[in-house]
Structure formats: structure tokens, C-alpha cells
Amino acid sequence: MERVSKINYYLDIAEVVSKRGTCTRKNYGCIIVKHDEIISTGYTGAPRGRKNCIDLGYCVKKQVFPNTRHGGYDACRSVHAEQNAMLSAARKDMIDSSLFLVGVRSDTNEYEEGASPCQMCRKLIINSGIKNVFVRVNKSEYVEIHVEDWVKNDDLLNGITTY
């Protein structure tokens, strides 16, 4: 039996974390790792104490903005997986760490095509001190992002958004 790579091992854990997500459209799981130790996990879900979309039985964002794929995120009930993971970790622990992110569509159970942290999460990741982000493409492939590249190549200055 072939041993799974360390990166895919952590992505597998992030994928399991995504199963706690409460979005009716897509769920993300995230873990933050430093020196081969998981310091935090997060998944998509409404803020503590608020009803989740799966409990309501519908997506609030889709009701308010039915034809919008990009935008309208003020109407979304979910706190992003990355945000939840960063909220659960101390900044001193996140400096030079790695974030592992997996997105899965609720309707097909397939990996979210083109998954990547949104601009708001990118800003939080930059400020948290996280060094690298690994995003699952499929069961064995992933994209590695060096956070420093987001600092050097600021997409927002060119009008490029990610949601």
C-alpha cells in the first residue's frame, strides 16, 4: 500500500472537517497546521446561535439574490471555513503556518472547481501570518499558494475579485 503524502493527509482531514458544514450549496473544511501539528479547524456555518441554512431548509443568499453566483455575500449566513479556523487560533501560532482547504458541492458531492479563498479571507490570511495555502483540486491533486504572492500581486488593484 502506498503511503499518502503529508499534504494530502492534511487535505483529507480538512475534507472530513467540511462534513460538519451547514451550507445547502457547498461546504468547505479547513485546518491550520504548524510544525506538523494541527492548531485549528474550521468549516462553513452560520454564526453561533443563529440558524443554519440546512436547519432553515433553504439558502438565504439564493432567495435574496437568485441569479447571482458572484456577489451578494452580505446575504450569506455562513462564516467561511478559513475564518472559523483563524478565529480559533492565536496569531502567534499561525505565523509561518500552512492552511489546508477543501470545498465540496452539496448537490453533487464533487470538489468545488476553482476553489480558492475569497478576497476577504485572503486579507485575513495575510494578516494572520499564514505562509502557505493548499487547496484540493481532486483526491490526489492540489494547488499550493504562497501567501506572499497575494501581497505582491494585489488582484484588487486590477479590479479582480474572487467571488
Protein backbone atom coordinates (compact mmCIF):
# COMPACT_ATOMS: atom_id res chain seq x y z
CA MET A 1 0.00 0.00 0.00
CA GLU A 2 1.30 3.43 -0.97
CA ARG A 3 1.59 5.97 1.82
CA VAL A 4 -0.41 9.18 1.32
CA SER A 5 1.65 12.36 1.07
CA LYS A 6 1.71 14.68 4.07
CA ILE A 7 -0.15 17.40 2.15
CA ASN A 8 -2.91 15.04 1.03
CA TYR A 9 -3.09 13.67 4.57
CA TYR A 10 -3.89 17.17 5.85
CA LEU A 11 -6.28 17.80 2.94
CA ASP A 12 -8.06 14.53 3.82
CA ILE A 13 -8.54 15.82 7.37
CA ALA A 14 -9.85 19.16 6.03
CA GLU A 15 -12.28 17.23 3.85
CA VAL A 16 -13.62 15.38 6.89
CA VAL A 17 -13.97 18.73 8.69
CA SER A 18 -16.05 20.00 5.72
CA LYS A 19 -18.68 17.36 6.51
CA ARG A 20 -19.68 19.46 9.54
CA GLY A 21 -20.58 22.35 7.22
CA THR A 22 -24.16 23.57 7.15
CA CYS A 23 -24.45 25.28 3.75
CA THR A 24 -27.04 23.91 1.33
CA ARG A 25 -24.85 24.77 -1.69
CA LYS A 26 -21.23 23.98 -0.82
CA ASN A 27 -19.21 23.22 2.26
CA TYR A 28 -15.60 23.92 2.99
CA GLY A 29 -13.32 22.42 5.59
CA CYS A 30 -10.08 23.98 6.71
CA ILE A 31 -7.23 23.14 9.02
CA ILE A 32 -4.23 25.21 10.03
CA VAL A 33 -1.01 23.31 10.63
CA LYS A 34 2.32 24.41 12.07
CA HIS A 35 5.33 22.13 12.60
CA ASP A 36 3.17 19.08 11.75
CA GLU A 37 0.67 19.94 14.47
CA ILE A 38 -2.95 20.86 13.76
CA ILE A 39 -3.59 24.08 15.63
CA SER A 40 -7.11 24.82 14.40
CA THR A 41 -10.03 23.63 12.28
CA GLY A 42 -13.00 25.38 10.71
CA TYR A 43 -15.99 24.70 8.50
CA THR A 44 -18.76 26.73 6.87
CA GLY A 45 -21.70 27.56 9.09
CA ALA A 46 -23.88 30.32 10.50
CA PRO A 47 -22.55 32.33 13.44
CA ARG A 48 -23.01 30.67 16.82
CA GLY A 49 -26.62 30.72 17.94
CA ARG A 50 -28.05 31.59 14.52
CA LYS A 51 -29.98 29.05 12.45
CA ASN A 52 -28.02 27.31 9.72
CA CYS A 53 -29.33 27.08 6.16
CA ILE A 54 -29.70 23.31 6.49
CA ASP A 55 -31.95 23.95 9.52
CA LEU A 56 -33.96 26.57 7.62
CA GLY A 57 -34.22 24.27 4.60
CA TYR A 58 -33.08 26.91 2.11
CA CYS A 59 -30.19 29.19 1.16
CA VAL A 60 -30.92 32.75 2.27
CA LYS A 61 -28.42 34.19 -0.25
CA LYS A 62 -30.11 32.35 -3.11
CA GLN A 63 -33.50 33.72 -2.05
CA VAL A 64 -32.26 37.30 -1.87
CA PHE A 65 -30.03 37.06 -4.99
CA PRO A 66 -31.43 34.12 -7.02
CA ASN A 67 -29.38 34.74 -10.18
CA THR A 68 -26.07 35.78 -8.63
CA ARG A 69 -23.15 33.38 -8.43
CA HIS A 70 -20.60 36.07 -7.58
CA GLY A 71 -21.59 38.68 -5.06
CA GLY A 72 -24.41 39.05 -2.60
CA TYR A 73 -22.33 37.58 0.18
CA ASP A 74 -23.73 40.00 2.74
CA ALA A 75 -26.87 37.85 2.50
CA CYS A 76 -24.93 34.61 3.08
CA ARG A 77 -25.41 33.16 6.56
CA SER A 78 -22.14 31.23 6.64
CA VAL A 79 -18.88 32.20 8.23
CA HIS A 80 -16.20 30.79 5.93
CA ALA A 81 -14.16 27.77 6.99
CA GLU A 82 -10.93 29.78 6.84
CA GLN A 83 -12.43 32.50 9.04
CA ASN A 84 -13.66 29.97 11.60
CA ALA A 85 -10.25 28.28 11.72
CA MET A 86 -8.44 31.60 12.17
CA LEU A 87 -10.88 32.68 14.88
CA SER A 88 -9.99 29.54 16.83
CA ALA A 89 -6.22 30.07 16.69
CA ALA A 90 -3.85 32.58 18.21
CA ARG A 91 -1.91 34.72 15.72
CA LYS A 92 1.40 33.71 17.28
CA ASP A 93 0.54 30.11 16.40
CA MET A 94 -0.47 30.96 12.82
CA ILE A 95 2.72 32.81 11.89
CA ASP A 96 4.55 30.72 9.23
CA SER A 97 1.85 28.03 9.35
CA SER A 98 0.02 26.35 6.45
CA LEU A 99 -3.71 26.37 5.76
CA PHE A 100 -5.36 23.38 4.05
CA LEU A 101 -8.71 23.96 2.35
CA VAL A 102 -11.22 21.62 0.70
CA GLY A 103 -14.54 22.64 -0.88
CA VAL A 104 -17.29 20.13 -1.70
CA ARG A 105 -20.56 20.89 -3.54
CA SER A 106 -23.61 19.83 -1.55
CA ASP A 107 -25.65 18.84 -4.60
CA THR A 108 -23.05 16.61 -6.31
CA ASN A 109 -20.53 15.76 -3.55
CA GLU A 110 -17.81 16.78 -6.02
CA TYR A 111 -14.89 19.05 -5.25
CA GLU A 112 -15.59 22.73 -5.85
CA GLU A 113 -13.98 23.63 -9.16
CA GLY A 114 -11.61 26.57 -8.89
CA ALA A 115 -11.85 26.70 -5.10
CA SER A 116 -9.77 29.44 -3.53
CA PRO A 117 -10.10 31.75 -0.54
CA CYS A 118 -12.25 34.81 -1.28
CA GLN A 119 -10.75 38.31 -1.10
CA MET A 120 -11.94 38.84 2.49
CA CYS A 121 -10.39 35.54 3.59
CA ARG A 122 -7.20 36.39 1.69
CA LYS A 123 -6.87 39.62 3.65
CA LEU A 124 -7.39 37.77 6.92
CA ILE A 125 -4.92 35.04 5.91
CA ILE A 126 -2.31 37.68 5.06
CA ASN A 127 -2.76 39.43 8.41
CA SER A 128 -2.77 36.15 10.35
CA GLY A 129 0.79 35.36 9.25
CA ILE A 130 -0.08 32.11 7.44
CA LYS A 131 2.65 31.33 4.93
CA ASN A 132 1.11 28.79 2.50
CA VAL A 133 -2.37 27.72 1.44
CA PHE A 134 -3.06 24.30 -0.07
CA VAL A 135 -6.37 23.87 -1.92
CA ARG A 136 -7.61 20.45 -3.05
CA VAL A 137 -8.36 20.07 -6.77
CA ASN A 138 -9.19 16.36 -6.66
CA LYS A 139 -8.41 13.43 -4.35
CA SER A 140 -4.69 13.47 -5.17
CA GLU A 141 -4.01 16.91 -6.66
CA TYR A 142 -3.86 20.31 -5.03
CA VAL A 143 -2.75 23.87 -5.67
CA GLU A 144 -0.16 25.48 -3.40
CA ILE A 145 -0.43 29.22 -2.93
CA HIS A 146 2.33 31.27 -1.36
CA VAL A 147 0.57 33.99 0.64
CA GLU A 148 3.39 36.40 -0.14
CA ASP A 149 2.21 36.27 -3.79
CA TRP A 150 -1.16 37.75 -2.69
CA VAL A 151 0.76 40.59 -1.07
CA LYS A 152 2.96 41.24 -4.11
CA ASN A 153 0.22 40.75 -6.73
CA ASP A 154 -2.79 42.56 -5.28
CA ASP A 155 -5.69 41.46 -7.53
CA LEU A 156 -7.97 44.12 -6.12
CA LEU A 157 -5.80 46.87 -7.61
CA ASN A 158 -6.65 45.40 -11.03
CA GLY A 159 -10.37 45.08 -10.22
CA ILE A 160 -10.21 41.28 -9.94
CA THR A 161 -12.45 39.72 -7.31
CA THR A 162 -12.71 36.07 -6.33
CA TYR A 163 -16.36 35.65 -5.52
